[in-house]
Every structure is written in C-alpha cells, then in structure tokens.
Amino acid sequence: MPEIQIYTTNICPYCMIAKRLLDKKGVHYTEINVDSEPGLREEMMRKTNRRTVPQIYIGDYHVRRF
C-alpha cells in the first residue's frame, strides 16, 4: 500500500473527520500538523498550491475536492 500523508491543523474539523475515516478503515497514515513547526504550512503550500487543510497524499496522488 502506498504511503499516506495528511496535512492538518489542531482545530480543523475537516481534518478530524478525515483522520477518523482513515482510522475507521484501519489505514496507516503520517500526520503532518502544520501548527507544530514554523515553515510546515509554507512547505505544504509549495507542494499542494493550496493553503487550506486537510491536504491528503496517497503516494504521489494528491486527493483534491473539485
């Protein structure tokens, strides 16, 4: 299974829902909390071209809402 990364913040209700869904499905993921370290949000924005969370990657695939 490809690696899953999810960019989150401490107070984002959508992040909590996304993590709850992944947990319910028993999927292992790496959480990157952009509130935890200066520069992480900028890193996320460079990678995703978005500033909102959650941002989810499954391998190289960026999961986006349209």
PDB file of N, CA and C in Angstrom:
ATOM      1  N   MET A   1       0.845  -1.184   0.000  1.00  0.00           N
ATOM      2  CA  MET A   1       0.000   0.000   0.000  1.00  0.00           C
ATOM      3  C   MET A   1       0.885   1.241   0.000  1.00  0.00           C
ATOM      4  N   PRO A   2       0.535   2.252  -0.791  1.00  0.00           N
ATOM      5  CA  PRO A   2       1.344   3.475  -0.822  1.00  0.00           C
ATOM      6  C   PRO A   2       1.262   4.239   0.496  1.00  0.00           C
ATOM      7  N   GLU A   3       2.274   5.045   0.734  1.00  0.00           N
ATOM      8  CA  GLU A   3       2.306   5.872   1.937  1.00  0.00           C
ATOM      9  C   GLU A   3       1.229   6.954   1.844  1.00  0.00           C
ATOM     10  N   ILE A   4       0.562   7.206   2.966  1.00  0.00           N
ATOM     11  CA  ILE A   4      -0.466   8.246   3.038  1.00  0.00           C
ATOM     12  C   ILE A   4       0.023   9.327   3.985  1.00  0.00           C
ATOM     13  N   GLN A   5      -0.037  10.581   3.506  1.00  0.00           N
ATOM     14  CA  GLN A   5       0.308  11.733   4.324  1.00  0.00           C
ATOM     15  C   GLN A   5      -0.890  12.663   4.365  1.00  0.00           C
ATOM     16  N   ILE A   6      -1.145  13.219   5.551  1.00  0.00           N
ATOM     17  CA  ILE A   6      -2.240  14.165   5.701  1.00  0.00           C
ATOM     18  C   ILE A   6      -1.728  15.386   6.454  1.00  0.00           C
ATOM     19  N   TYR A   7      -1.857  16.540   5.806  1.00  0.00           N
ATOM     20  CA  TYR A   7      -1.505  17.816   6.432  1.00  0.00           C
ATOM     21  C   TYR A   7      -2.722  18.304   7.215  1.00  0.00           C
ATOM     22  N   THR A   8      -2.514  18.673   8.476  1.00  0.00           N
ATOM     23  CA  THR A   8      -3.613  19.048   9.360  1.00  0.00           C
ATOM     24  C   THR A   8      -3.243  20.274  10.191  1.00  0.00           C
ATOM     25  N   THR A   9      -4.255  20.785  10.925  1.00  0.00           N
ATOM     26  CA  THR A   9      -4.035  21.764  11.991  1.00  0.00           C
ATOM     27  C   THR A   9      -4.737  21.239  13.242  1.00  0.00           C
ATOM     28  N   ASN A  10      -4.496  21.907  14.358  1.00  0.00           N
ATOM     29  CA  ASN A  10      -5.059  21.453  15.630  1.00  0.00           C
ATOM     30  C   ASN A  10      -6.571  21.613  15.714  1.00  0.00           C
ATOM     31  N   ILE A  11      -7.134  22.624  15.069  1.00  0.00           N
ATOM     32  CA  ILE A  11      -8.553  22.923  15.290  1.00  0.00           C
ATOM     33  C   ILE A  11      -9.439  22.687  14.068  1.00  0.00           C
ATOM     34  N   CYS A  12      -8.926  22.064  13.044  1.00  0.00           N
ATOM     35  CA  CYS A  12      -9.672  21.864  11.800  1.00  0.00           C
ATOM     36  C   CYS A  12     -10.655  20.699  11.933  1.00  0.00           C
ATOM     37  N   PRO A  13     -11.967  20.974  11.869  1.00  0.00           N
ATOM     38  CA  PRO A  13     -12.937  19.876  11.980  1.00  0.00           C
ATOM     39  C   PRO A  13     -12.867  18.920  10.786  1.00  0.00           C
ATOM     40  N   TYR A  14     -12.514  19.420   9.604  1.00  0.00           N
ATOM     41  CA  TYR A  14     -12.408  18.545   8.431  1.00  0.00           C
ATOM     42  C   TYR A  14     -11.215  17.600   8.559  1.00  0.00           C
ATOM     43  N   CYS A  15     -10.155  18.064   9.191  1.00  0.00           N
ATOM     44  CA  CYS A  15      -9.000  17.207   9.447  1.00  0.00           C
ATOM     45  C   CYS A  15      -9.390  16.073  10.386  1.00  0.00           C
ATOM     46  N   MET A  16     -10.143  16.413  11.423  1.00  0.00           N
ATOM     47  CA  MET A  16     -10.582  15.400  12.384  1.00  0.00           C
ATOM     48  C   MET A  16     -11.443  14.348  11.704  1.00  0.00           C
ATOM     49  N   ILE A  17     -12.330  14.781  10.822  1.00  0.00           N
ATOM     50  CA  ILE A  17     -13.205  13.848  10.099  1.00  0.00           C
ATOM     51  C   ILE A  17     -12.379  12.955   9.175  1.00  0.00           C
ATOM     52  N   ALA A  18     -11.427  13.546   8.461  1.00  0.00           N
ATOM     53  CA  ALA A  18     -10.588  12.763   7.546  1.00  0.00           C
ATOM     54  C   ALA A  18      -9.774  11.724   8.319  1.00  0.00           C
ATOM     55  N   LYS A  19      -9.186  12.120   9.451  1.00  0.00           N
ATOM     56  CA  LYS A  19      -8.406  11.174  10.254  1.00  0.00           C
ATOM     57  C   LYS A  19      -9.296  10.086  10.829  1.00  0.00           C
ATOM     58  N   ARG A  20     -10.500  10.452  11.250  1.00  0.00           N
ATOM     59  CA  ARG A  20     -11.437   9.466  11.783  1.00  0.00           C
ATOM     60  C   ARG A  20     -11.784   8.422  10.716  1.00  0.00           C
ATOM     61  N   LEU A  21     -11.997   8.875   9.472  1.00  0.00           N
ATOM     62  CA  LEU A  21     -12.298   7.953   8.382  1.00  0.00           C
ATOM     63  C   LEU A  21     -11.126   7.006   8.126  1.00  0.00           C
ATOM     64  N   LEU A  22      -9.923   7.544   8.067  1.00  0.00           N
ATOM     65  CA  LEU A  22      -8.754   6.698   7.845  1.00  0.00           C
ATOM     66  C   LEU A  22      -8.576   5.703   8.988  1.00  0.00           C
ATOM     67  N   ASP A  23      -8.778   6.161  10.229  1.00  0.00           N
ATOM     68  CA  ASP A  23      -8.678   5.266  11.387  1.00  0.00           C
ATOM     69  C   ASP A  23      -9.728   4.163  11.317  1.00  0.00           C
ATOM     70  N   LYS A  24     -10.955   4.529  10.956  1.00  0.00           N
ATOM     71  CA  LYS A  24     -12.046   3.552  10.862  1.00  0.00           C
ATOM     72  C   LYS A  24     -11.727   2.471   9.837  1.00  0.00           C
ATOM     73  N   LYS A  25     -11.062   2.863   8.753  1.00  0.00           N
ATOM     74  CA  LYS A  25     -10.703   1.915   7.707  1.00  0.00           C
ATOM     75  C   LYS A  25      -9.425   1.152   8.040  1.00  0.00           C
ATOM     76  N   GLY A  26      -8.788   1.492   9.165  1.00  0.00           N
ATOM     77  CA  GLY A  26      -7.580   0.796   9.583  1.00  0.00           C
ATOM     78  C   GLY A  26      -6.359   1.126   8.737  1.00  0.00           C
ATOM     79  N   VAL A  27      -6.347   2.322   8.166  1.00  0.00           N
ATOM     80  CA  VAL A  27      -5.270   2.742   7.275  1.00  0.00           C
ATOM     81  C   VAL A  27      -4.197   3.472   8.081  1.00  0.00           C
ATOM     82  N   HIS A  28      -2.950   3.100   7.853  1.00  0.00           N
ATOM     83  CA  HIS A  28      -1.838   3.802   8.496  1.00  0.00           C
ATOM     84  C   HIS A  28      -1.518   5.055   7.692  1.00  0.00           C
ATOM     85  N   TYR A  29      -1.322   6.172   8.369  1.00  0.00           N
ATOM     86  CA  TYR A  29      -1.001   7.425   7.696  1.00  0.00           C
ATOM     87  C   TYR A  29      -0.031   8.215   8.563  1.00  0.00           C
ATOM     88  N   THR A  30       0.646   9.144   7.918  1.00  0.00           N
ATOM     89  CA  THR A  30       1.542  10.062   8.606  1.00  0.00           C
ATOM     90  C   THR A  30       0.869  11.413   8.658  1.00  0.00           C
ATOM     91  N   GLU A  31       0.671  11.921   9.865  1.00  0.00           N
ATOM     92  CA  GLU A  31       0.059  13.233  10.039  1.00  0.00           C
ATOM     93  C   GLU A  31       1.149  14.290  10.123  1.00  0.00           C
ATOM     94  N   ILE A  32       0.989  15.349   9.345  1.00  0.00           N
ATOM     95  CA  ILE A  32       1.908  16.478   9.382  1.00  0.00           C
ATOM     96  C   ILE A  32       1.094  17.679   9.852  1.00  0.00           C
ATOM     97  N   ASN A  33       1.244  18.006  11.128  1.00  0.00           N
ATOM     98  CA  ASN A  33       0.488  19.104  11.718  1.00  0.00           C
ATOM     99  C   ASN A  33       1.232  20.402  11.444  1.00  0.00           C
ATOM    100  N   VAL A  34       0.648  21.244  10.590  1.00  0.00           N
ATOM    101  CA  VAL A  34       1.338  22.471  10.175  1.00  0.00           C
ATOM    102  C   VAL A  34       1.403  23.513  11.284  1.00  0.00           C
ATOM    103  N   ASP A  35       0.665  23.299  12.386  1.00  0.00           N
ATOM    104  CA  ASP A  35       0.751  24.192  13.534  1.00  0.00           C
ATOM    105  C   ASP A  35       1.956  23.876  14.416  1.00  0.00           C
ATOM    106  N   SER A  36       2.526  22.696  14.256  1.00  0.00           N
ATOM    107  CA  SER A  36       3.528  22.223  15.198  1.00  0.00           C
ATOM    108  C   SER A  36       4.922  22.790  14.977  1.00  0.00           C
ATOM    109  N   GLU A  37       5.185  23.293  13.781  1.00  0.00           N
ATOM    110  CA  GLU A  37       6.539  23.747  13.486  1.00  0.00           C
ATOM    111  C   GLU A  37       6.496  24.874  12.451  1.00  0.00           C
ATOM    112  N   PRO A  38       7.225  25.948  12.695  1.00  0.00           N
ATOM    113  CA  PRO A  38       7.259  27.028  11.707  1.00  0.00           C
ATOM    114  C   PRO A  38       7.774  26.505  10.362  1.00  0.00           C
ATOM    115  N   GLY A  39       7.140  26.944   9.309  1.00  0.00           N
ATOM    116  CA  GLY A  39       7.587  26.550   7.977  1.00  0.00           C
ATOM    117  C   GLY A  39       6.833  25.389   7.371  1.00  0.00           C
ATOM    118  N   LEU A  40       6.135  24.597   8.187  1.00  0.00           N
ATOM    119  CA  LEU A  40       5.422  23.449   7.631  1.00  0.00           C
ATOM    120  C   LEU A  40       4.253  23.860   6.741  1.00  0.00           C
ATOM    121  N   ARG A  41       3.545  24.937   7.104  1.00  0.00           N
ATOM    122  CA  ARG A  41       2.447  25.387   6.245  1.00  0.00           C
ATOM    123  C   ARG A  41       2.995  25.868   4.898  1.00  0.00           C
ATOM    124  N   GLU A  42       4.119  26.574   4.916  1.00  0.00           N
ATOM    125  CA  GLU A  42       4.721  27.034   3.668  1.00  0.00           C
ATOM    126  C   GLU A  42       5.160  25.847   2.814  1.00  0.00           C
ATOM    127  N   GLU A  43       5.716  24.820   3.456  1.00  0.00           N
ATOM    128  CA  GLU A  43       6.104  23.596   2.747  1.00  0.00           C
ATOM    129  C   GLU A  43       4.876  22.958   2.090  1.00  0.00           C
ATOM    130  N   MET A  44       3.772  22.874   2.853  1.00  0.00           N
ATOM    131  CA  MET A  44       2.537  22.308   2.329  1.00  0.00           C
ATOM    132  C   MET A  44       2.031  23.132   1.147  1.00  0.00           C
ATOM    133  N   MET A  45       2.070  24.456   1.264  1.00  0.00           N
ATOM    134  CA  MET A  45       1.575  25.329   0.209  1.00  0.00           C
ATOM    135  C   MET A  45       2.413  25.190  -1.065  1.00  0.00           C
ATOM    136  N   ARG A  46       3.729  25.030  -0.932  1.00  0.00           N
ATOM    137  CA  ARG A  46       4.574  24.817  -2.113  1.00  0.00           C
ATOM    138  C   ARG A  46       4.237  23.493  -2.787  1.00  0.00           C
ATOM    139  N   LYS A  47       3.991  22.484  -1.978  1.00  0.00           N
ATOM    140  CA  LYS A  47       3.727  21.143  -2.515  1.00  0.00           C
ATOM    141  C   LYS A  47       2.338  21.034  -3.141  1.00  0.00           C
ATOM    142  N   THR A  48       1.330  21.674  -2.526  1.00  0.00           N
ATOM    143  CA  THR A  48      -0.061  21.476  -2.939  1.00  0.00           C
ATOM    144  C   THR A  48      -0.662  22.635  -3.717  1.00  0.00           C
ATOM    145  N   ASN A  49      -0.015  23.805  -3.670  1.00  0.00           N
ATOM    146  CA  ASN A  49      -0.580  25.038  -4.243  1.00  0.00           C
ATOM    147  C   ASN A  49      -1.898  25.418  -3.578  1.00  0.00           C
ATOM    148  N   ARG A  50      -2.071  25.019  -2.335  1.00  0.00           N
ATOM    149  CA  ARG A  50      -3.260  25.354  -1.541  1.00  0.00           C
ATOM    150  C   ARG A  50      -2.826  25.707  -0.132  1.00  0.00           C
ATOM    151  N   ARG A  51      -3.670  26.492   0.563  1.00  0.00           N
ATOM    152  CA  ARG A  51      -3.304  26.887   1.921  1.00  0.00           C
ATOM    153  C   ARG A  51      -4.230  26.298   2.971  1.00  0.00           C
ATOM    154  N   THR A  52      -5.284  25.599   2.539  1.00  0.00           N
ATOM    155  CA  THR A  52      -6.241  25.037   3.476  1.00  0.00           C
ATOM    156  C   THR A  52      -5.896  23.583   3.805  1.00  0.00           C
ATOM    157  N   VAL A  53      -6.415  23.117   4.906  1.00  0.00           N
ATOM    158  CA  VAL A  53      -6.245  21.733   5.329  1.00  0.00           C
ATOM    159  C   VAL A  53      -7.619  21.093   5.464  1.00  0.00           C
ATOM    160  N   PRO A  54      -7.718  19.805   5.406  1.00  0.00           N
ATOM    161  CA  PRO A  54      -6.627  18.852   5.219  1.00  0.00           C
ATOM    162  C   PRO A  54      -6.177  18.767   3.766  1.00  0.00           C
ATOM    163  N   GLN A  55      -4.932  18.434   3.591  1.00  0.00           N
ATOM    164  CA  GLN A  55      -4.374  18.079   2.290  1.00  0.00           C
ATOM    165  C   GLN A  55      -3.863  16.656   2.432  1.00  0.00           C
ATOM    166  N   ILE A  56      -4.310  15.779   1.543  1.00  0.00           N
ATOM    167  CA  ILE A  56      -4.020  14.354   1.671  1.00  0.00           C
ATOM    168  C   ILE A  56      -3.299  13.875   0.422  1.00  0.00           C
ATOM    169  N   TYR A  57      -2.227  13.116   0.644  1.00  0.00           N
ATOM    170  CA  TYR A  57      -1.498  12.455  -0.434  1.00  0.00           C
ATOM    171  C   TYR A  57      -1.545  10.954  -0.198  1.00  0.00           C
ATOM    172  N   ILE A  58      -1.866  10.225  -1.248  1.00  0.00           N
ATOM    173  CA  ILE A  58      -1.763   8.771  -1.254  1.00  0.00           C
ATOM    174  C   ILE A  58      -0.680   8.460  -2.273  1.00  0.00           C
ATOM    175  N   GLY A  59       0.501   8.128  -1.769  1.00  0.00           N
ATOM    176  CA  GLY A  59       1.664   8.027  -2.646  1.00  0.00           C
ATOM    177  C   GLY A  59       1.914   9.391  -3.255  1.00  0.00           C
ATOM    178  N   ASP A  60       1.969   9.470  -4.574  1.00  0.00           N
ATOM    179  CA  ASP A  60       2.172  10.740  -5.270  1.00  0.00           C
ATOM    180  C   ASP A  60       0.856  11.397  -5.662  1.00  0.00           C
ATOM    181  N   TYR A  61      -0.258  10.722  -5.399  1.00  0.00           N
ATOM    182  CA  TYR A  61      -1.577  11.253  -5.789  1.00  0.00           C
ATOM    183  C   TYR A  61      -2.110  12.217  -4.748  1.00  0.00           C
ATOM    184  N   HIS A  62      -2.384  13.453  -5.162  1.00  0.00           N
ATOM    185  CA  HIS A  62      -2.936  14.475  -4.285  1.00  0.00           C
ATOM    186  C   HIS A  62      -4.464  14.375  -4.334  1.00  0.00           C
ATOM    187  N   VAL A  63      -5.085  14.039  -3.224  1.00  0.00           N
ATOM    188  CA  VAL A  63      -6.537  13.913  -3.143  1.00  0.00           C
ATOM    189  C   VAL A  63      -7.106  15.321  -3.042  1.00  0.00           C
ATOM    190  N   ARG A  64      -7.940  15.716  -4.005  1.00  0.00           N
ATOM    191  CA  ARG A  64      -8.499  17.069  -4.034  1.00  0.00           C
ATOM    192  C   ARG A  64      -9.988  17.007  -4.228  1.00  0.00           C
ATOM    193  N   ARG A  65     -10.673  17.991  -3.666  1.00  0.00           N
ATOM    194  CA  ARG A  65     -12.103  18.173  -3.930  1.00  0.00           C
ATOM    195  C   ARG A  65     -12.246  19.104  -5.110  1.00  0.00           C
ATOM    196  N   PHE A  66     -13.200  18.826  -5.953  1.00  0.00           N
ATOM    197  CA  PHE A  66     -13.438  19.695  -7.114  1.00  0.00           C
ATOM    198  C   PHE A  66     -14.794  20.338  -7.002  1.00  0.00           C
TER     199      PHE A  66
END
